[in-house]
């Protein structure tokens, strides 16, 4: 995926992909913590939250990190000069996301009996929070991802032609204007059913987060080799400083919305915090990919890597585990918020159960289609290699 040749280039590419897998694992663990703690304490502001605990109570920042990662990984081949093959691109995206997602949609239809909502979900139309609950509670982000998947090749097809590149400028200006309108909705319009606020959980409201990932991919291709060859790559303190600055930015943003607003008020009153989080995660990834910060082994490790492999299944199943199993445990044991030790034990148990289910669905549902994608690539590539 990198515009480099030789074994060293291949090695760096694999290392970077392994790092991204671990970061994806971090993202899903943050999302799990957010939903678990939200179910226990409610999604309200917590004035007693520390800067560190804000990463857990504000763990939905993991969704912002997912969007940055998608922007990075999907634009990286284009910036590297890989020719766009639209059929292959769309097939790979479909093999990656559709099997597990469609399985969960069918399970949700069976569990809730809301079969009239199934066609809507299969077509990646946004659902209300009460529709196909609890399975469908997190599907809005997949809708945004799919919208990005469809827009991305259009952008790069335009970028291949001189006239198309000129057209991208007014399109970018329009996108910035629309995002500004969406993020700056006046208080008296927040409850309107036909206003800008309804586009917040669409690509129109989240495209800058993917844009941060795309900027990181461009930096990775054009500046990455230079950074690798510079003295910065051999010293630990520059990377450690950049990583620390990224974590400080994230801590300040997350603490403000956790301690002073809460999840839903922050979404309504301070929508731009998602972009600030994305910038923080972009800097975080830059330090991890191009520099050698101290403590990187705490972030790139086998546990996070495994969680990253299972992250898609884990994202789709964890809300069901929390609602169905966690809710039953809470009704039997009483409020978990009154017993920190029990809270931790139950949280780890629910996480283990979610991981076990996700490991099974990854190997039984996701992996066969991922292997099919790899086999089709080898079939196409084999004559060229011979």
Foldseek 3Di string as FASTA:
>chain_A
DALDDDPVVVVLVVVLVLLLLLLLLVLLVLVLLCLLVCVQPNQWADQPDDLVCLSRVVSPLSLLLVLLSLLQVVCLCVLSPNDDDPVLLVLLVCLQAPFLQLVLLVVLCVVVVPVVCSVVVNVLHQDDCPRSPPLRNPSLSVSQVVVCSVVVVVLSVLVVDPVSVVVVVVVVVVLVVLLVLCQPPDPVCLPPPPGSVVCCSHCSNSVVSSVLSNVLSNCCRPVQVVLCPDCQQVDAVVLQVLLVVLSVQLSVLSNCCRNPNGDVRCVRPPVCSSNSSSNSSSSNSSSLSRHHYPPVCVSSDPVSSLSSLLSSQLSSCLSVLCVVVVVVVCVVPPRPVVPVVVSVVVSVVSVVVSSVVSVVCCVPTSVVSVVVSVVVVCVVCVVVVD
